[in-house]
Amino acid sequence: MIEIAYPPYYSASMSLAEILDEIPKLSFAERQELVRRAIAVDEVKLTAEEESILDARMEDFRRNPDTGVPLHEVREQVRKRLPRQ
């Protein structure tokens, strides 16, 4: 892991806008670390019950692959449900 030495002007009380303004000033390695940490924070741990449900659904799909829906169809269905922007 890369250790990032933060300049003294960085503060825990920076606004989101201030933080976003600082991102382009980071080195490539620092931006990579930022992305890695953001992904780690966003990872959601599944409960045992949720894992069991997903495992059962995957096993069902493996036995009956024709029951699945292609990704392009799923995307189309989701886009139809989303409000227009």
Protein backbone atom coordinates (compact mmCIF):
# COMPACT_ATOMS: atom_id res chain seq x y z
CA MET A 1 0.00 0.00 0.00
CA ILE A 2 1.21 3.50 -0.79
CA GLU A 3 1.65 5.87 2.11
CA ILE A 4 0.32 9.29 1.26
CA ALA A 5 1.86 12.27 3.01
CA TYR A 6 -0.92 14.83 3.24
CA PRO A 7 0.05 18.50 2.97
CA PRO A 8 -0.76 20.56 6.05
CA TYR A 9 -3.55 22.42 4.25
CA TYR A 10 -5.66 19.24 3.98
CA SER A 11 -8.29 19.21 6.65
CA ALA A 12 -10.86 16.74 7.86
CA SER A 13 -13.40 19.52 7.52
CA MET A 14 -12.95 19.99 3.76
CA SER A 15 -16.17 20.21 1.80
CA LEU A 16 -16.89 17.75 -0.98
CA ALA A 17 -16.29 20.49 -3.55
CA GLU A 18 -12.90 21.23 -2.00
CA ILE A 19 -11.96 17.57 -2.02
CA LEU A 20 -12.99 17.19 -5.67
CA ASP A 21 -10.96 20.27 -6.57
CA GLU A 22 -7.87 18.64 -5.03
CA ILE A 23 -8.12 15.31 -6.88
CA PRO A 24 -6.49 16.54 -10.13
CA LYS A 25 -3.50 17.67 -8.06
CA LEU A 26 -2.82 14.14 -6.81
CA SER A 27 -0.16 11.98 -8.42
CA PHE A 28 -1.23 8.96 -10.44
CA ALA A 29 -0.27 6.64 -7.54
CA GLU A 30 -2.30 8.75 -5.11
CA ARG A 31 -5.35 8.65 -7.39
CA GLN A 32 -5.00 4.87 -7.67
CA GLU A 33 -4.94 4.61 -3.88
CA LEU A 34 -7.99 6.87 -3.67
CA VAL A 35 -9.89 4.60 -6.05
CA ARG A 36 -8.83 1.45 -4.16
CA ARG A 37 -10.00 2.92 -0.87
CA ALA A 38 -13.29 4.13 -2.36
CA ILE A 39 -14.01 0.66 -3.70
CA ALA A 40 -13.13 -0.95 -0.36
CA VAL A 41 -15.51 1.40 1.49
CA ASP A 42 -18.30 0.62 -0.97
CA GLU A 43 -17.99 -3.16 -0.69
CA VAL A 44 -21.10 -4.59 0.91
CA LYS A 45 -20.85 -7.77 2.94
CA LEU A 46 -23.65 -10.22 2.29
CA THR A 47 -25.40 -12.06 5.05
CA ALA A 48 -25.26 -15.87 5.08
CA GLU A 49 -28.91 -15.91 3.96
CA GLU A 50 -28.19 -13.59 1.00
CA GLU A 51 -25.20 -15.70 -0.04
CA SER A 52 -27.35 -18.82 0.15
CA ILE A 53 -30.02 -17.24 -2.07
CA LEU A 54 -27.43 -16.16 -4.64
CA ASP A 55 -25.76 -19.58 -4.60
CA ALA A 56 -29.12 -21.29 -5.19
CA ARG A 57 -29.96 -18.94 -8.05
CA MET A 58 -26.54 -19.47 -9.65
CA GLU A 59 -26.90 -23.22 -9.38
CA ASP A 60 -30.36 -23.01 -10.96
CA PHE A 61 -28.94 -20.92 -13.79
CA ARG A 62 -26.12 -23.43 -14.36
CA ARG A 63 -28.68 -26.24 -14.66
CA ASN A 64 -31.01 -24.16 -16.87
CA PRO A 65 -28.92 -21.52 -18.69
CA ASP A 66 -31.77 -20.69 -21.08
CA THR A 67 -33.77 -19.22 -18.18
CA GLY A 68 -31.34 -16.31 -17.81
CA VAL A 69 -31.89 -12.86 -19.30
CA PRO A 70 -29.13 -11.35 -21.47
CA LEU A 71 -27.43 -8.29 -20.00
CA HIS A 72 -28.58 -5.98 -22.81
CA GLU A 73 -32.20 -6.87 -22.02
CA VAL A 74 -31.70 -6.23 -18.30
CA ARG A 75 -30.17 -2.84 -19.08
CA GLU A 76 -33.07 -1.96 -21.35
CA GLN A 77 -35.61 -2.91 -18.66
CA VAL A 78 -33.76 -0.85 -16.03
CA ARG A 79 -33.53 2.18 -18.32
CA LYS A 80 -37.28 2.04 -18.96
CA ARG A 81 -37.91 2.19 -15.20
CA LEU A 82 -35.60 5.10 -14.56
CA PRO A 83 -36.94 8.64 -14.83
CA ARG A 84 -35.79 10.52 -17.89
CA GLN A 85 -33.08 13.08 -17.30
